[in-house]
């Protein structure tokens, strides 16, 4: 009697398809032993998916996240800070706008009681605090004794995070002086330049990740070919940032519900495109879609399901392009099925493999340049 092969499980199918790297990995001279996730699979891939499987943000660099109000800058900062805490690192959170609250932070698993939180007024206060950050070794030893999940005994592989939300709210000592004031209006840009020049080497040396959010301002007097908007604080922030993420115009997500026989509509979140505006990690100008729900945070499952549907032949939401694992024609039902069956990692792994196969289409087929 002829024996038939038992069908492969979903996990085995995904592992078989994604076990071979789809993109040739170029060498990266930064520390990629621990990557910090943004909370979005597609954004992680857009940042460094061609260097490290799954992508993410490495330590030792300055990151600027800039864009219009309500585009999710604070959400990204909080997501990154929560990830660092869960991986055993320490968090310093500067909040000059004094907007971060405990209820909002809990959405991202961020424990405000266990981080160094402050409301600085001036530019030097933020960067001097980074240079004076002490006693990390003592804190790390305590964490190692209570948390066996830390994979290494090498302190340099534990990422510590400094966050500032936002740089546009910072003043200068002259500006705070009621009598003198900043009459020339240039002191803040000079202070950013001075402080960043003294601080960026410390980030690399101590394996710190510094992430700052920034607003945008209309670029008055810009010519036809100049950018119409710019981030405040002078040119130093963009110059010293190894990674700049630009949040493009958010679009409202609306939901309709029936109450007492009447239809009620509410805005429940935003959709935003995130552009890798500058990168010394991998290729710039990649764009990743982001879905943010107000009472949930970054909805990675929703975006991953949509990505598979958009770039396969599927007509429904599924984890396999061959529709072996069709979920549902409804996005909300598909999300519930993923969560109920604990398929989050399977979904993420399939997206990473699919993204890699797409990127491989754009690899250069030319031989190395003779120099």
Protein backbone atom coordinates (compact mmCIF):
# COMPACT_ATOMS: atom_id res chain seq x y z
CA UNK A 1 0.00 0.00 0.00
CA UNK A 2 1.42 3.37 -0.98
CA UNK A 3 2.00 5.67 1.94
CA UNK A 4 0.92 9.30 1.62
CA UNK A 5 2.87 12.17 3.14
CA UNK A 6 1.19 13.97 5.98
CA UNK A 7 0.42 17.61 5.18
CA UNK A 8 2.81 20.17 6.57
CA UNK A 9 1.63 22.41 9.37
CA UNK A 10 1.31 26.13 8.74
CA UNK A 11 4.47 26.84 10.76
CA UNK A 12 6.45 24.24 8.78
CA UNK A 13 5.21 25.68 5.48
CA UNK A 14 6.27 29.18 6.46
CA UNK A 15 9.67 28.03 7.76
CA UNK A 16 10.32 26.16 4.50
CA UNK A 17 9.49 29.26 2.44
CA UNK A 18 11.48 31.68 4.60
CA UNK A 19 14.48 29.56 5.65
CA UNK A 20 16.54 30.74 2.67
CA UNK A 21 17.41 34.45 2.71
CA UNK A 22 15.58 36.21 -0.08
CA UNK A 23 17.81 39.27 0.00
CA UNK A 24 21.60 39.23 -0.15
CA UNK A 25 22.75 40.58 3.19
CA UNK A 26 25.38 43.30 2.91
CA UNK A 27 27.80 43.78 5.78
CA UNK A 28 26.85 46.33 8.43
CA UNK A 29 29.53 47.66 10.75
CA UNK A 30 27.10 48.64 13.50
CA UNK A 31 25.98 46.54 16.47
CA UNK A 32 23.10 44.35 15.32
CA UNK A 33 23.22 41.83 18.17
CA UNK A 34 20.06 43.40 19.53
CA UNK A 35 17.59 45.22 17.30
CA UNK A 36 14.79 47.34 18.68
CA UNK A 37 11.41 46.84 17.03
CA UNK A 38 9.24 49.81 16.13
CA UNK A 39 6.14 47.68 16.68
CA UNK A 40 5.55 47.53 12.92
CA UNK A 41 6.93 44.63 10.87
CA UNK A 42 6.87 46.63 7.65
CA UNK A 43 8.56 49.67 9.20
CA UNK A 44 11.26 47.45 10.72
CA UNK A 45 11.89 46.01 7.26
CA UNK A 46 11.93 49.44 5.59
CA UNK A 47 14.60 50.60 8.05
CA UNK A 48 17.05 47.68 7.92
CA UNK A 49 15.38 44.61 6.43
CA UNK A 50 18.18 44.24 3.87
CA UNK A 51 20.83 44.03 6.61
CA UNK A 52 19.19 41.97 9.35
CA UNK A 53 16.31 39.52 8.97
CA UNK A 54 13.20 41.21 10.32
CA UNK A 55 14.91 44.61 10.47
CA UNK A 56 14.56 47.12 13.28
CA UNK A 57 16.69 49.91 14.77
CA UNK A 58 20.22 49.19 16.08
CA UNK A 59 21.80 50.90 19.08
CA UNK A 60 24.45 53.60 19.21
CA UNK A 61 22.66 56.10 16.95
CA UNK A 62 20.49 59.21 17.02
CA UNK A 63 17.03 58.92 15.42
CA UNK A 64 14.77 61.83 14.52
CA UNK A 65 11.05 61.23 13.93
CA UNK A 66 9.39 64.29 12.44
CA UNK A 67 6.04 65.12 10.92
CA UNK A 68 2.74 66.96 11.40
CA UNK A 69 0.73 66.96 14.60
CA UNK A 70 -1.33 63.82 15.20
CA UNK A 71 0.74 61.61 12.89
CA UNK A 72 1.88 59.14 15.58
CA UNK A 73 5.32 60.43 16.63
CA UNK A 74 4.70 59.91 20.35
CA UNK A 75 3.24 56.47 19.61
CA UNK A 76 6.50 55.40 17.93
CA UNK A 77 8.61 56.78 20.79
CA UNK A 78 6.50 54.97 23.38
CA UNK A 79 6.57 51.71 21.41
CA UNK A 80 10.38 51.82 21.19
CA UNK A 81 10.74 52.74 24.87
CA UNK A 82 8.48 49.86 25.93
CA UNK A 83 10.48 47.41 23.80
CA UNK A 84 13.75 48.54 25.40
CA UNK A 85 12.31 48.02 28.88
CA UNK A 86 11.11 44.51 28.00
CA UNK A 87 14.57 43.63 26.67
CA UNK A 88 16.19 44.62 29.95
CA UNK A 89 17.40 48.12 29.11
CA UNK A 90 16.96 51.37 31.00
CA UNK A 91 14.87 54.27 29.67
CA UNK A 92 15.32 58.03 30.07
CA UNK A 93 12.27 59.93 28.82
CA UNK A 94 12.40 63.71 28.37
CA UNK A 95 8.94 65.20 27.98
CA UNK A 96 9.19 69.01 27.60
CA UNK A 97 5.54 69.16 26.53
CA UNK A 98 4.50 67.16 29.65
CA UNK A 99 2.01 65.11 27.63
CA UNK A 100 2.96 61.52 28.44
CA UNK A 101 0.59 59.95 30.98
CA UNK A 102 0.61 56.55 32.64
CA UNK A 103 -2.58 55.34 30.96
CA UNK A 104 -1.18 56.11 27.49
CA UNK A 105 2.20 54.54 28.34
CA UNK A 106 0.58 51.29 29.53
CA UNK A 107 -0.78 50.67 26.00
CA UNK A 108 2.83 50.04 24.93
CA UNK A 109 3.92 48.12 28.02
CA UNK A 110 5.92 51.13 29.17
CA UNK A 111 6.35 51.28 32.95
CA UNK A 112 6.66 54.96 33.86
CA UNK A 113 7.68 54.08 37.43
CA UNK A 114 10.82 52.30 36.24
CA UNK A 115 12.18 54.97 33.92
CA UNK A 116 14.04 58.24 34.37
CA UNK A 117 11.30 60.75 33.51
CA UNK A 118 11.75 64.53 33.32
CA UNK A 119 10.22 67.73 31.92
CA UNK A 120 13.24 69.74 30.72
CA UNK A 121 12.95 73.38 29.69
CA UNK A 122 16.11 73.89 27.65
CA UNK A 123 18.26 72.12 25.05
CA UNK A 124 21.31 71.69 27.35
CA UNK A 125 19.18 69.99 30.02
CA UNK A 126 18.35 67.13 27.62
CA UNK A 127 21.84 66.42 26.37
CA UNK A 128 23.71 67.04 29.62
CA UNK A 129 21.46 64.44 31.23
CA UNK A 130 22.56 61.94 28.59
CA UNK A 131 26.23 62.60 29.28
CA UNK A 132 25.66 62.34 33.02
CA UNK A 133 23.56 59.16 32.95
CA UNK A 134 25.15 57.01 35.66
CA UNK A 135 24.60 53.83 37.67
CA UNK A 136 23.45 51.80 34.67
CA UNK A 137 25.77 48.91 35.57
CA UNK A 138 24.12 48.57 38.98
CA UNK A 139 20.67 48.52 37.43
CA UNK A 140 21.74 45.94 34.84
CA UNK A 141 23.05 43.60 37.55
CA UNK A 142 19.70 43.78 39.35
CA UNK A 143 17.86 43.00 36.13
CA UNK A 144 20.10 40.02 35.39
CA UNK A 145 19.38 38.53 38.80
CA UNK A 146 15.63 38.71 38.35
CA UNK A 147 15.23 38.27 34.60
CA UNK A 148 16.64 35.09 33.06
CA UNK A 149 15.41 36.07 29.62
CA UNK A 150 18.35 38.39 29.03
CA UNK A 151 20.42 36.43 26.51
CA UNK A 152 23.84 37.86 27.23
CA UNK A 153 26.12 38.76 30.08
CA UNK A 154 27.85 41.42 27.99
CA UNK A 155 26.58 44.85 29.03
CA UNK A 156 27.40 46.31 25.62
CA UNK A 157 24.67 44.16 24.07
CA UNK A 158 21.91 45.61 26.25
CA UNK A 159 20.36 48.65 24.63
CA UNK A 160 19.47 51.65 26.79
CA UNK A 161 17.17 54.31 25.40
CA UNK A 162 16.96 58.09 25.63
CA UNK A 163 13.79 59.70 24.31
CA UNK A 164 12.80 63.34 23.81
CA UNK A 165 9.25 64.31 22.85
CA UNK A 166 9.56 66.83 21.31
CA UNK A 167 12.63 68.90 20.41
CA UNK A 168 10.52 71.79 19.12
CA UNK A 169 9.27 72.50 22.65
CA UNK A 170 12.77 73.11 24.07
CA UNK A 171 13.95 76.64 24.83
CA UNK A 172 17.35 78.19 25.55
CA UNK A 173 18.66 79.89 28.65
CA UNK A 174 18.55 83.22 26.82
CA UNK A 175 14.97 82.66 25.75
CA UNK A 176 13.99 81.86 29.35
CA UNK A 177 15.57 85.16 30.49
CA UNK A 178 12.75 87.71 30.47
CA UNK A 179 15.13 90.68 30.36
CA UNK A 180 17.55 89.54 27.67
CA UNK A 181 15.66 86.99 25.58
CA UNK A 182 16.94 85.44 22.37
CA UNK A 183 16.83 88.59 20.27
CA UNK A 184 18.70 87.10 17.31
CA UNK A 185 16.60 83.93 17.30
CA UNK A 186 19.58 81.71 16.51
CA UNK A 187 20.72 80.53 19.92
CA UNK A 188 18.62 77.34 19.95
CA UNK A 189 20.13 76.10 16.68
CA UNK A 190 23.62 76.79 18.02
CA UNK A 191 22.88 74.92 21.25
CA UNK A 192 21.60 71.89 19.34
CA UNK A 193 24.81 71.90 17.32
CA UNK A 194 27.02 72.25 20.41
CA UNK A 195 25.22 69.61 22.46
CA UNK A 196 24.93 67.04 19.66
CA UNK A 197 28.61 67.43 18.83
CA UNK A 198 29.46 66.46 22.42
CA UNK A 199 26.81 63.75 22.79
CA UNK A 200 26.70 61.58 19.66
CA UNK A 201 30.02 59.83 20.39
CA UNK A 202 28.66 58.87 23.82
CA UNK A 203 25.66 57.17 22.20
CA UNK A 204 27.91 54.85 20.20
CA UNK A 205 30.36 54.23 23.02
CA UNK A 206 27.68 53.24 25.57
CA UNK A 207 25.29 51.46 23.17
CA UNK A 208 22.55 54.04 23.78
CA UNK A 209 19.70 54.56 21.36
CA UNK A 210 18.48 58.16 21.32
CA UNK A 211 15.15 58.84 19.63
CA UNK A 212 13.74 62.35 19.35
CA UNK A 213 10.47 63.52 17.89
CA UNK A 214 10.23 66.86 16.15
CA UNK A 215 7.51 68.95 14.59
CA UNK A 216 7.54 70.54 11.15
CA UNK A 217 7.28 74.21 10.25
CA UNK A 218 6.41 75.91 6.99
CA UNK A 219 9.60 76.84 5.17
CA UNK A 220 8.89 80.53 4.56
CA UNK A 221 10.56 81.89 1.45
CA UNK A 222 11.38 78.48 0.02
CA UNK A 223 12.04 78.48 -3.69
CA UNK A 224 10.40 76.29 -6.28
CA UNK A 225 12.80 73.41 -5.65
CA UNK A 226 13.25 73.78 -1.89
CA UNK A 227 11.24 71.72 0.63
CA UNK A 228 8.01 73.44 1.68
CA UNK A 229 8.37 72.22 5.26
CA UNK A 230 11.33 71.79 7.60
CA UNK A 231 11.90 70.59 11.17
CA UNK A 232 12.81 73.31 13.71
CA UNK A 233 16.09 73.46 15.61
CA UNK A 234 18.53 74.17 12.82
CA UNK A 235 20.46 71.76 10.63
CA UNK A 236 22.38 69.92 13.36
CA UNK A 237 19.59 67.47 14.23
CA UNK A 238 19.31 66.20 10.66
CA UNK A 239 23.08 66.19 10.24
CA UNK A 240 23.84 64.10 13.35
CA UNK A 241 20.87 61.74 12.96
CA UNK A 242 21.80 58.36 11.51
CA UNK A 243 18.13 57.67 10.86
CA UNK A 244 15.35 60.15 10.10
CA UNK A 245 11.76 58.96 9.83
CA UNK A 246 9.26 61.30 8.24
CA UNK A 247 5.59 60.85 9.15
CA UNK A 248 3.47 61.79 6.16
CA UNK A 249 -0.03 63.28 6.39
CA UNK A 250 -2.28 61.08 8.56
CA UNK A 251 -5.70 59.94 7.40
CA UNK A 252 -8.52 59.32 9.83
CA UNK A 253 -9.88 55.81 10.42
CA UNK A 254 -13.61 55.90 11.08
CA UNK A 255 -15.91 53.24 12.49
CA UNK A 256 -19.70 53.07 12.47
CA UNK A 257 -21.81 51.43 15.18
CA UNK A 258 -25.53 51.16 15.77
CA UNK A 259 -26.88 52.48 19.06
CA UNK A 260 -30.59 52.74 19.94
CA UNK A 261 -31.41 52.10 16.32
CA UNK A 262 -29.23 54.95 15.09
CA UNK A 263 -25.89 54.84 13.32
CA UNK A 264 -23.03 56.52 15.20
CA UNK A 265 -19.65 57.31 13.65
CA UNK A 266 -16.36 57.89 15.48
CA UNK A 267 -12.71 58.38 14.52
CA UNK A 268 -10.84 55.43 16.09
CA UNK A 269 -7.34 55.90 14.69
CA UNK A 270 -5.13 57.11 11.87
CA UNK A 271 -3.33 55.66 8.87
CA UNK A 272 0.05 57.17 8.07
CA UNK A 273 2.90 56.53 5.67
CA UNK A 274 6.38 56.55 7.22
CA UNK A 275 9.28 57.45 4.94
CA UNK A 276 12.89 56.56 5.75
CA UNK A 277 13.98 60.09 4.92
CA UNK A 278 17.65 59.56 5.78
CA UNK A 279 19.52 56.39 6.70
CA UNK A 280 23.09 55.30 7.34
CA UNK A 281 21.80 51.85 8.29
CA UNK A 282 20.44 50.67 4.94
CA UNK A 283 18.82 52.18 1.84
CA UNK A 284 16.85 55.41 2.36
CA UNK A 285 13.49 56.46 0.92
CA UNK A 286 11.69 53.19 1.66
CA UNK A 287 8.08 53.82 2.74
CA UNK A 288 6.06 51.73 5.18
CA UNK A 289 2.32 52.02 5.97
CA UNK A 290 1.32 52.33 9.61
CA UNK A 291 -2.09 51.83 11.21
CA UNK A 292 -2.52 53.34 14.68
CA UNK A 293 -5.64 52.76 16.80
CA UNK A 294 -6.16 55.16 19.69
CA UNK A 295 -6.87 52.56 22.39
CA UNK A 296 -4.55 49.87 21.01
CA UNK A 297 -1.43 51.37 19.45
CA UNK A 298 0.22 50.13 16.26
CA UNK A 299 -1.99 47.50 14.62
CA UNK A 300 0.69 45.25 13.10
CA UNK A 301 -1.68 42.34 12.39
CA UNK A 302 -4.01 44.48 10.30
CA UNK A 303 -1.18 45.95 8.25
CA UNK A 304 0.48 42.55 7.69
CA UNK A 305 -2.76 40.99 6.45
CA UNK A 306 -3.29 43.89 4.08
CA UNK A 307 0.30 43.62 2.79
CA UNK A 308 -0.17 39.92 1.90
CA UNK A 309 -3.44 40.62 0.13
CA UNK A 310 -1.94 43.54 -1.80
CA UNK A 311 1.11 41.64 -3.03
CA UNK A 312 -0.28 38.17 -3.73
CA UNK A 313 -3.08 36.75 -5.84
CA UNK A 314 -5.32 36.36 -2.82
CA UNK A 315 -8.78 37.86 -2.98
CA UNK A 316 -9.31 37.30 0.75
CA UNK A 317 -7.12 37.86 3.80
CA UNK A 318 -4.80 34.88 4.20
CA UNK A 319 -1.39 33.87 5.51
CA UNK A 320 -0.51 31.77 2.46
CA UNK A 321 -0.61 33.24 -1.04
CA UNK A 322 -1.79 29.83 -2.25
CA UNK A 323 -4.82 30.33 0.03
CA UNK A 324 -3.93 27.19 2.00
CA UNK A 325 -4.70 29.19 5.09
CA UNK A 326 -7.52 31.50 4.03
CA UNK A 327 -8.84 33.45 6.97
CA UNK A 328 -11.84 35.54 5.95
CA UNK A 329 -13.03 38.13 3.43
CA UNK A 330 -13.49 40.42 6.43
CA UNK A 331 -10.46 42.18 7.91
CA UNK A 332 -11.89 42.27 11.45
CA UNK A 333 -12.81 38.58 11.37
CA UNK A 334 -9.35 37.70 10.05
CA UNK A 335 -7.67 39.65 12.87
CA UNK A 336 -9.77 37.78 15.43
CA UNK A 337 -8.82 34.43 13.86
CA UNK A 338 -5.11 35.32 13.97
CA UNK A 339 -5.31 36.34 17.62
CA UNK A 340 -7.52 33.41 18.66
CA UNK A 341 -5.20 30.85 17.04
CA UNK A 342 -1.97 32.60 18.14
CA UNK A 343 -0.79 33.06 14.54
CA UNK A 344 0.90 36.44 15.08
CA UNK A 345 4.46 35.10 14.65
CA UNK A 346 3.48 32.94 11.67
CA UNK A 347 1.92 35.96 10.01
CA UNK A 348 4.97 38.13 10.73
CA UNK A 349 7.40 35.50 9.39
CA UNK A 350 5.44 35.13 6.20
CA UNK A 351 5.41 38.89 5.65
CA UNK A 352 9.19 39.03 6.17
CA UNK A 353 9.67 36.30 3.55
CA UNK A 354 7.26 37.90 1.09
CA UNK A 355 8.88 41.32 1.54
CA UNK A 356 12.29 39.76 0.92
CA UNK A 357 11.16 38.16 -2.32
CA UNK A 358 9.83 41.52 -3.51
CA UNK A 359 13.08 43.30 -2.61
CA UNK A 360 15.13 40.67 -4.43
CA UNK A 361 13.55 41.87 -7.69
CA UNK A 362 15.43 45.16 -7.28
CA UNK A 363 18.87 43.73 -6.60
CA UNK A 364 21.58 44.89 -8.96
CA UNK A 365 22.68 42.23 -11.42
CA UNK A 366 25.81 44.09 -12.35
CA UNK A 367 29.23 42.90 -11.23
CA UNK A 368 31.20 44.90 -8.70
CA UNK A 369 32.61 48.13 -10.07
CA UNK A 370 36.30 48.05 -10.93
CA UNK A 371 38.00 50.73 -8.86
